[in-house]
Amino acid sequence: MAQTFIHAYQQAMQDVIEQTVSRTAKTIADFLPDIDNDVLICTIEDYKSLNTWQADININEESYNNLLKVFLHSST
């Protein structure tokens, strides 16, 4: 089951990287019904310009530890 998740995640990441911003916005819009489409498109453009989504989904130890810190601090 974990391998299936990783494969799906990798494919989704690749799709976001390769497809247009409009297509990505259309794909996720149903999950964010309170977000105006223009705002969604602008936000996705910003994330893409920052290279937020990478084809390599591996997480190194430092990134993992930083993510844990974010999760721990966000619960307070």
PDB file of N, CA and C in Angstrom:
ATOM      1  N   MET A   1       0.815  -1.184   0.000  1.00  0.00           N
ATOM      2  CA  MET A   1       0.000   0.000   0.000  1.00  0.00           C
ATOM      3  C   MET A   1       0.868   1.261   0.000  1.00  0.00           C
ATOM      4  N   ALA A   2       1.962   1.262   0.735  1.00  0.00           N
ATOM      5  CA  ALA A   2       2.838   2.439   0.770  1.00  0.00           C
ATOM      6  C   ALA A   2       3.409   2.722  -0.611  1.00  0.00           C
ATOM      7  N   GLN A   3       3.774   1.682  -1.327  1.00  0.00           N
ATOM      8  CA  GLN A   3       4.331   1.871  -2.668  1.00  0.00           C
ATOM      9  C   GLN A   3       3.303   2.497  -3.609  1.00  0.00           C
ATOM     10  N   THR A   4       2.052   2.095  -3.462  1.00  0.00           N
ATOM     11  CA  THR A   4       0.976   2.671  -4.278  1.00  0.00           C
ATOM     12  C   THR A   4       0.820   4.162  -3.976  1.00  0.00           C
ATOM     13  N   PHE A   5       0.886   4.521  -2.695  1.00  0.00           N
ATOM     14  CA  PHE A   5       0.796   5.925  -2.307  1.00  0.00           C
ATOM     15  C   PHE A   5       1.966   6.716  -2.894  1.00  0.00           C
ATOM     16  N   ILE A   6       3.169   6.190  -2.765  1.00  0.00           N
ATOM     17  CA  ILE A   6       4.357   6.886  -3.271  1.00  0.00           C
ATOM     18  C   ILE A   6       4.254   7.092  -4.778  1.00  0.00           C
ATOM     19  N   HIS A   7       3.794   6.076  -5.482  1.00  0.00           N
ATOM     20  CA  HIS A   7       3.634   6.186  -6.936  1.00  0.00           C
ATOM     21  C   HIS A   7       2.604   7.273  -7.284  1.00  0.00           C
ATOM     22  N   ALA A   8       1.483   7.279  -6.589  1.00  0.00           N
ATOM     23  CA  ALA A   8       0.436   8.276  -6.844  1.00  0.00           C
ATOM     24  C   ALA A   8       0.941   9.680  -6.513  1.00  0.00           C
ATOM     25  N   TYR A   9       1.661   9.803  -5.425  1.00  0.00           N
ATOM     26  CA  TYR A   9       2.217  11.097  -5.016  1.00  0.00           C
ATOM     27  C   TYR A   9       3.218  11.600  -6.056  1.00  0.00           C
ATOM     28  N   GLN A  10       4.086  10.704  -6.514  1.00  0.00           N
ATOM     29  CA  GLN A  10       5.079  11.066  -7.531  1.00  0.00           C
ATOM     30  C   GLN A  10       4.392  11.522  -8.813  1.00  0.00           C
ATOM     31  N   GLN A  11       3.342  10.809  -9.220  1.00  0.00           N
ATOM     32  CA  GLN A  11       2.614  11.176 -10.430  1.00  0.00           C
ATOM     33  C   GLN A  11       1.922  12.528 -10.272  1.00  0.00           C
ATOM     34  N   ALA A  12       1.319  12.756  -9.113  1.00  0.00           N
ATOM     35  CA  ALA A  12       0.654  14.037  -8.860  1.00  0.00           C
ATOM     36  C   ALA A  12       1.661  15.180  -8.890  1.00  0.00           C
ATOM     37  N   MET A  13       2.828  14.967  -8.310  1.00  0.00           N
ATOM     38  CA  MET A  13       3.864  15.991  -8.302  1.00  0.00           C
ATOM     39  C   MET A  13       4.308  16.307  -9.730  1.00  0.00           C
ATOM     40  N   GLN A  14       4.500  15.272 -10.519  1.00  0.00           N
ATOM     41  CA  GLN A  14       4.913  15.459 -11.906  1.00  0.00           C
ATOM     42  C   GLN A  14       3.837  16.218 -12.697  1.00  0.00           C
ATOM     43  N   ASP A  15       2.583  15.869 -12.440  1.00  0.00           N
ATOM     44  CA  ASP A  15       1.474  16.563 -13.114  1.00  0.00           C
ATOM     45  C   ASP A  15       1.477  18.051 -12.785  1.00  0.00           C
ATOM     46  N   VAL A  16       1.650  18.390 -11.523  1.00  0.00           N
ATOM     47  CA  VAL A  16       1.647  19.791 -11.104  1.00  0.00           C
ATOM     48  C   VAL A  16       2.805  20.546 -11.766  1.00  0.00           C
ATOM     49  N   ILE A  17       3.946  19.893 -11.874  1.00  0.00           N
ATOM     50  CA  ILE A  17       5.108  20.525 -12.487  1.00  0.00           C
ATOM     51  C   ILE A  17       4.869  20.774 -13.979  1.00  0.00           C
ATOM     52  N   GLU A  18       4.289  19.792 -14.649  1.00  0.00           N
ATOM     53  CA  GLU A  18       4.177  19.843 -16.107  1.00  0.00           C
ATOM     54  C   GLU A  18       2.936  20.562 -16.630  1.00  0.00           C
ATOM     55  N   GLN A  19       1.849  20.510 -15.910  1.00  0.00           N
ATOM     56  CA  GLN A  19       0.619  21.083 -16.464  1.00  0.00           C
ATOM     57  C   GLN A  19       0.530  22.580 -16.211  1.00  0.00           C
ATOM     58  N   THR A  20      -0.392  23.199 -16.896  1.00  0.00           N
ATOM     59  CA  THR A  20      -0.562  24.646 -16.745  1.00  0.00           C
ATOM     60  C   THR A  20      -1.126  24.978 -15.363  1.00  0.00           C
ATOM     61  N   VAL A  21      -0.926  26.220 -14.968  1.00  0.00           N
ATOM     62  CA  VAL A  21      -1.453  26.699 -13.692  1.00  0.00           C
ATOM     63  C   VAL A  21      -2.980  26.591 -13.688  1.00  0.00           C
ATOM     64  N   SER A  22      -3.606  26.926 -14.795  1.00  0.00           N
ATOM     65  CA  SER A  22      -5.072  26.855 -14.886  1.00  0.00           C
ATOM     66  C   SER A  22      -5.567  25.430 -14.658  1.00  0.00           C
ATOM     67  N   ARG A  23      -4.868  24.482 -15.249  1.00  0.00           N
ATOM     68  CA  ARG A  23      -5.262  23.072 -15.105  1.00  0.00           C
ATOM     69  C   ARG A  23      -5.109  22.617 -13.654  1.00  0.00           C
ATOM     70  N   THR A  24      -4.028  23.001 -13.027  1.00  0.00           N
ATOM     71  CA  THR A  24      -3.821  22.652 -11.621  1.00  0.00           C
ATOM     72  C   THR A  24      -4.915  23.266 -10.757  1.00  0.00           C
ATOM     73  N   ALA A  25      -5.224  24.523 -11.013  1.00  0.00           N
ATOM     74  CA  ALA A  25      -6.284  25.202 -10.253  1.00  0.00           C
ATOM     75  C   ALA A  25      -7.615  24.488 -10.432  1.00  0.00           C
ATOM     76  N   LYS A  26      -7.924  24.109 -11.651  1.00  0.00           N
ATOM     77  CA  LYS A  26      -9.180  23.406 -11.917  1.00  0.00           C
ATOM     78  C   LYS A  26      -9.220  22.059 -11.188  1.00  0.00           C
ATOM     79  N   THR A  27      -8.081  21.387 -11.141  1.00  0.00           N
ATOM     80  CA  THR A  27      -8.004  20.076 -10.490  1.00  0.00           C
ATOM     81  C   THR A  27      -8.262  20.168  -8.989  1.00  0.00           C
ATOM     82  N   ILE A  28      -7.744  21.209  -8.339  1.00  0.00           N
ATOM     83  CA  ILE A  28      -7.855  21.290  -6.879  1.00  0.00           C
ATOM     84  C   ILE A  28      -8.976  22.199  -6.384  1.00  0.00           C
ATOM     85  N   ALA A  29      -9.635  22.891  -7.284  1.00  0.00           N
ATOM     86  CA  ALA A  29     -10.651  23.874  -6.887  1.00  0.00           C
ATOM     87  C   ALA A  29     -11.765  23.283  -6.019  1.00  0.00           C
ATOM     88  N   ASP A  30     -12.186  22.064  -6.301  1.00  0.00           N
ATOM     89  CA  ASP A  30     -13.258  21.451  -5.503  1.00  0.00           C
ATOM     90  C   ASP A  30     -12.854  21.229  -4.051  1.00  0.00           C
ATOM     91  N   PHE A  31     -11.546  21.128  -3.794  1.00  0.00           N
ATOM     92  CA  PHE A  31     -11.066  20.925  -2.428  1.00  0.00           C
ATOM     93  C   PHE A  31     -10.948  22.245  -1.665  1.00  0.00           C
ATOM     94  N   LEU A  32     -11.045  23.353  -2.408  1.00  0.00           N
ATOM     95  CA  LEU A  32     -10.905  24.684  -1.818  1.00  0.00           C
ATOM     96  C   LEU A  32     -12.060  25.573  -2.270  1.00  0.00           C
ATOM     97  N   PRO A  33     -13.286  25.208  -1.922  1.00  0.00           N
ATOM     98  CA  PRO A  33     -14.456  25.907  -2.465  1.00  0.00           C
ATOM     99  C   PRO A  33     -14.578  27.372  -2.047  1.00  0.00           C
ATOM    100  N   ASP A  34     -13.925  27.760  -0.970  1.00  0.00           N
ATOM    101  CA  ASP A  34     -14.033  29.139  -0.497  1.00  0.00           C
ATOM    102  C   ASP A  34     -12.963  30.063  -1.091  1.00  0.00           C
ATOM    103  N   ILE A  35     -12.095  29.513  -1.919  1.00  0.00           N
ATOM    104  CA  ILE A  35     -11.015  30.304  -2.507  1.00  0.00           C
ATOM    105  C   ILE A  35     -11.408  30.742  -3.919  1.00  0.00           C
ATOM    106  N   ASP A  36     -11.349  32.033  -4.158  1.00  0.00           N
ATOM    107  CA  ASP A  36     -11.633  32.584  -5.476  1.00  0.00           C
ATOM    108  C   ASP A  36     -10.649  32.003  -6.493  1.00  0.00           C
ATOM    109  N   ASN A  37     -11.122  31.671  -7.682  1.00  0.00           N
ATOM    110  CA  ASN A  37     -10.283  31.030  -8.690  1.00  0.00           C
ATOM    111  C   ASN A  37      -9.074  31.891  -9.065  1.00  0.00           C
ATOM    112  N   ASP A  38      -9.257  33.190  -9.167  1.00  0.00           N
ATOM    113  CA  ASP A  38      -8.125  34.072  -9.500  1.00  0.00           C
ATOM    114  C   ASP A  38      -7.057  34.049  -8.404  1.00  0.00           C
ATOM    115  N   VAL A  39      -7.490  33.992  -7.165  1.00  0.00           N
ATOM    116  CA  VAL A  39      -6.554  33.899  -6.038  1.00  0.00           C
ATOM    117  C   VAL A  39      -5.831  32.557  -6.084  1.00  0.00           C
ATOM    118  N   LEU A  40      -6.565  31.502  -6.373  1.00  0.00           N
ATOM    119  CA  LEU A  40      -5.973  30.173  -6.468  1.00  0.00           C
ATOM    120  C   LEU A  40      -4.912  30.133  -7.564  1.00  0.00           C
ATOM    121  N   ILE A  41      -5.233  30.664  -8.717  1.00  0.00           N
ATOM    122  CA  ILE A  41      -4.288  30.694  -9.834  1.00  0.00           C
ATOM    123  C   ILE A  41      -3.043  31.509  -9.464  1.00  0.00           C
ATOM    124  N   CYS A  42      -3.245  32.652  -8.861  1.00  0.00           N
ATOM    125  CA  CYS A  42      -2.117  33.498  -8.445  1.00  0.00           C
ATOM    126  C   CYS A  42      -1.223  32.773  -7.441  1.00  0.00           C
ATOM    127  N   THR A  43      -1.847  32.085  -6.502  1.00  0.00           N
ATOM    128  CA  THR A  43      -1.098  31.357  -5.482  1.00  0.00           C
ATOM    129  C   THR A  43      -0.285  30.224  -6.103  1.00  0.00           C
ATOM    130  N   ILE A  44      -0.894  29.488  -7.000  1.00  0.00           N
ATOM    131  CA  ILE A  44      -0.181  28.393  -7.675  1.00  0.00           C
ATOM    132  C   ILE A  44       0.978  28.951  -8.487  1.00  0.00           C
ATOM    133  N   GLU A  45       0.763  30.067  -9.174  1.00  0.00           N
ATOM    134  CA  GLU A  45       1.851  30.708  -9.924  1.00  0.00           C
ATOM    135  C   GLU A  45       3.009  31.075  -8.999  1.00  0.00           C
ATOM    136  N   ASP A  46       2.675  31.609  -7.830  1.00  0.00           N
ATOM    137  CA  ASP A  46       3.718  31.977  -6.862  1.00  0.00           C
ATOM    138  C   ASP A  46       4.495  30.744  -6.413  1.00  0.00           C
ATOM    139  N   TYR A  47       3.773  29.686  -6.064  1.00  0.00           N
ATOM    140  CA  TYR A  47       4.447  28.462  -5.630  1.00  0.00           C
ATOM    141  C   TYR A  47       5.323  27.892  -6.739  1.00  0.00           C
ATOM    142  N   LYS A  48       4.837  27.921  -7.981  1.00  0.00           N
ATOM    143  CA  LYS A  48       5.641  27.424  -9.101  1.00  0.00           C
ATOM    144  C   LYS A  48       6.890  28.275  -9.298  1.00  0.00           C
ATOM    145  N   SER A  49       6.754  29.586  -9.172  1.00  0.00           N
ATOM    146  CA  SER A  49       7.916  30.471  -9.363  1.00  0.00           C
ATOM    147  C   SER A  49       8.975  30.244  -8.282  1.00  0.00           C
ATOM    148  N   LEU A  50       8.561  29.748  -7.137  1.00  0.00           N
ATOM    149  CA  LEU A  50       9.493  29.442  -6.052  1.00  0.00           C
ATOM    150  C   LEU A  50      10.071  28.029  -6.150  1.00  0.00           C
ATOM    151  N   ASN A  51       9.676  27.302  -7.198  1.00  0.00           N
ATOM    152  CA  ASN A  51      10.096  25.902  -7.376  1.00  0.00           C
ATOM    153  C   ASN A  51       9.747  25.045  -6.162  1.00  0.00           C
ATOM    154  N   THR A  52       8.562  25.285  -5.647  1.00  0.00           N
ATOM    155  CA  THR A  52       8.103  24.557  -4.470  1.00  0.00           C
ATOM    156  C   THR A  52       7.939  23.072  -4.756  1.00  0.00           C
ATOM    157  N   TRP A  53       7.439  22.764  -5.936  1.00  0.00           N
ATOM    158  CA  TRP A  53       7.187  21.373  -6.294  1.00  0.00           C
ATOM    159  C   TRP A  53       8.349  20.840  -7.108  1.00  0.00           C
ATOM    160  N   GLN A  54       8.959  19.788  -6.608  1.00  0.00           N
ATOM    161  CA  GLN A  54      10.119  19.180  -7.247  1.00  0.00           C
ATOM    162  C   GLN A  54       9.783  17.764  -7.709  1.00  0.00           C
ATOM    163  N   ALA A  55      10.407  17.351  -8.797  1.00  0.00           N
ATOM    164  CA  ALA A  55      10.180  16.003  -9.323  1.00  0.00           C
ATOM    165  C   ALA A  55      10.731  14.940  -8.372  1.00  0.00           C
ATOM    166  N   ASP A  56      11.793  15.281  -7.665  1.00  0.00           N
ATOM    167  CA  ASP A  56      12.382  14.341  -6.703  1.00  0.00           C
ATOM    168  C   ASP A  56      11.631  14.481  -5.383  1.00  0.00           C
ATOM    169  N   ILE A  57      10.850  13.464  -5.019  1.00  0.00           N
ATOM    170  CA  ILE A  57      10.027  13.553  -3.816  1.00  0.00           C
ATOM    171  C   ILE A  57      10.738  13.021  -2.571  1.00  0.00           C
ATOM    172  N   ASN A  58      11.989  12.601  -2.721  1.00  0.00           N
ATOM    173  CA  ASN A  58      12.737  12.111  -1.565  1.00  0.00           C
ATOM    174  C   ASN A  58      12.983  13.245  -0.581  1.00  0.00           C
ATOM    175  N   ILE A  59      12.922  12.930   0.692  1.00  0.00           N
ATOM    176  CA  ILE A  59      13.125  13.916   1.742  1.00  0.00           C
ATOM    177  C   ILE A  59      14.385  13.521   2.508  1.00  0.00           C
ATOM    178  N   ASN A  60      15.354  14.440   2.558  1.00  0.00           N
ATOM    179  CA  ASN A  60      16.567  14.130   3.306  1.00  0.00           C
ATOM    180  C   ASN A  60      16.315  14.308   4.806  1.00  0.00           C
ATOM    181  N   GLU A  61      17.247  13.876   5.600  1.00  0.00           N
ATOM    182  CA  GLU A  61      17.059  13.893   7.055  1.00  0.00           C
ATOM    183  C   GLU A  61      16.865  15.304   7.599  1.00  0.00           C
ATOM    184  N   GLU A  62      17.620  16.261   7.088  1.00  0.00           N
ATOM    185  CA  GLU A  62      17.480  17.638   7.564  1.00  0.00           C
ATOM    186  C   GLU A  62      16.084  18.197   7.260  1.00  0.00           C
ATOM    187  N   SER A  63      15.595  17.943   6.061  1.00  0.00           N
ATOM    188  CA  SER A  63      14.252  18.408   5.698  1.00  0.00           C
ATOM    189  C   SER A  63      13.194  17.733   6.558  1.00  0.00           C
ATOM    190  N   TYR A  64      13.370  16.454   6.796  1.00  0.00           N
ATOM    191  CA  TYR A  64      12.428  15.716   7.635  1.00  0.00           C
ATOM    192  C   TYR A  64      12.389  16.310   9.042  1.00  0.00           C
ATOM    193  N   ASN A  65      13.549  16.565   9.604  1.00  0.00           N
ATOM    194  CA  ASN A  65      13.609  17.136  10.955  1.00  0.00           C
ATOM    195  C   ASN A  65      12.998  18.532  11.003  1.00  0.00           C
ATOM    196  N   ASN A  66      13.211  19.335   9.971  1.00  0.00           N
ATOM    197  CA  ASN A  66      12.596  20.665   9.912  1.00  0.00           C
ATOM    198  C   ASN A  66      11.082  20.558   9.822  1.00  0.00           C
ATOM    199  N   LEU A  67      10.605  19.600   9.059  1.00  0.00           N
ATOM    200  CA  LEU A  67       9.165  19.383   8.938  1.00  0.00           C
ATOM    201  C   LEU A  67       8.567  18.975  10.281  1.00  0.00           C
ATOM    202  N   LEU A  68       9.256  18.124  11.007  1.00  0.00           N
ATOM    203  CA  LEU A  68       8.784  17.739  12.337  1.00  0.00           C
ATOM    204  C   LEU A  68       8.662  18.956  13.250  1.00  0.00           C
ATOM    205  N   LYS A  69       9.636  19.856  13.165  1.00  0.00           N
ATOM    206  CA  LYS A  69       9.582  21.082  13.974  1.00  0.00           C
ATOM    207  C   LYS A  69       8.353  21.918  13.626  1.00  0.00           C
ATOM    208  N   VAL A  70       8.068  22.023  12.342  1.00  0.00           N
ATOM    209  CA  VAL A  70       6.890  22.783  11.910  1.00  0.00           C
ATOM    210  C   VAL A  70       5.637  22.158  12.488  1.00  0.00           C
ATOM    211  N   PHE A  71       5.511  20.842  12.388  1.00  0.00           N
ATOM    212  CA  PHE A  71       4.335  20.156  12.906  1.00  0.00           C
ATOM    213  C   PHE A  71       4.204  20.334  14.420  1.00  0.00           C
ATOM    214  N   LEU A  72       5.325  20.224  15.124  1.00  0.00           N
ATOM    215  CA  LEU A  72       5.293  20.370  16.582  1.00  0.00           C
ATOM    216  C   LEU A  72       4.882  21.782  16.990  1.00  0.00           C
ATOM    217  N   HIS A  73       5.389  22.790  16.307  1.00  0.00           N
ATOM    218  CA  HIS A  73       5.085  24.179  16.665  1.00  0.00           C
ATOM    219  C   HIS A  73       3.698  24.621  16.180  1.00  0.00           C
ATOM    220  N   SER A  74       3.191  23.964  15.158  1.00  0.00           N
ATOM    221  CA  SER A  74       1.877  24.373  14.648  1.00  0.00           C
ATOM    222  C   SER A  74       0.731  23.863  15.526  1.00  0.00           C
ATOM    223  N   SER A  75       1.027  22.954  16.423  1.00  0.00           N
ATOM    224  CA  SER A  75      -0.035  22.414  17.279  1.00  0.00           C
ATOM    225  C   SER A  75      -0.234  23.253  18.539  1.00  0.00           C
ATOM    226  N   THR A  76       0.572  24.280  18.722  1.00  0.00           N
ATOM    227  CA  THR A  76       0.454  25.089  19.944  1.00  0.00           C
ATOM    228  C   THR A  76      -0.435  26.278  19.740  1.00  0.00           C
TER     229      THR A  76
END
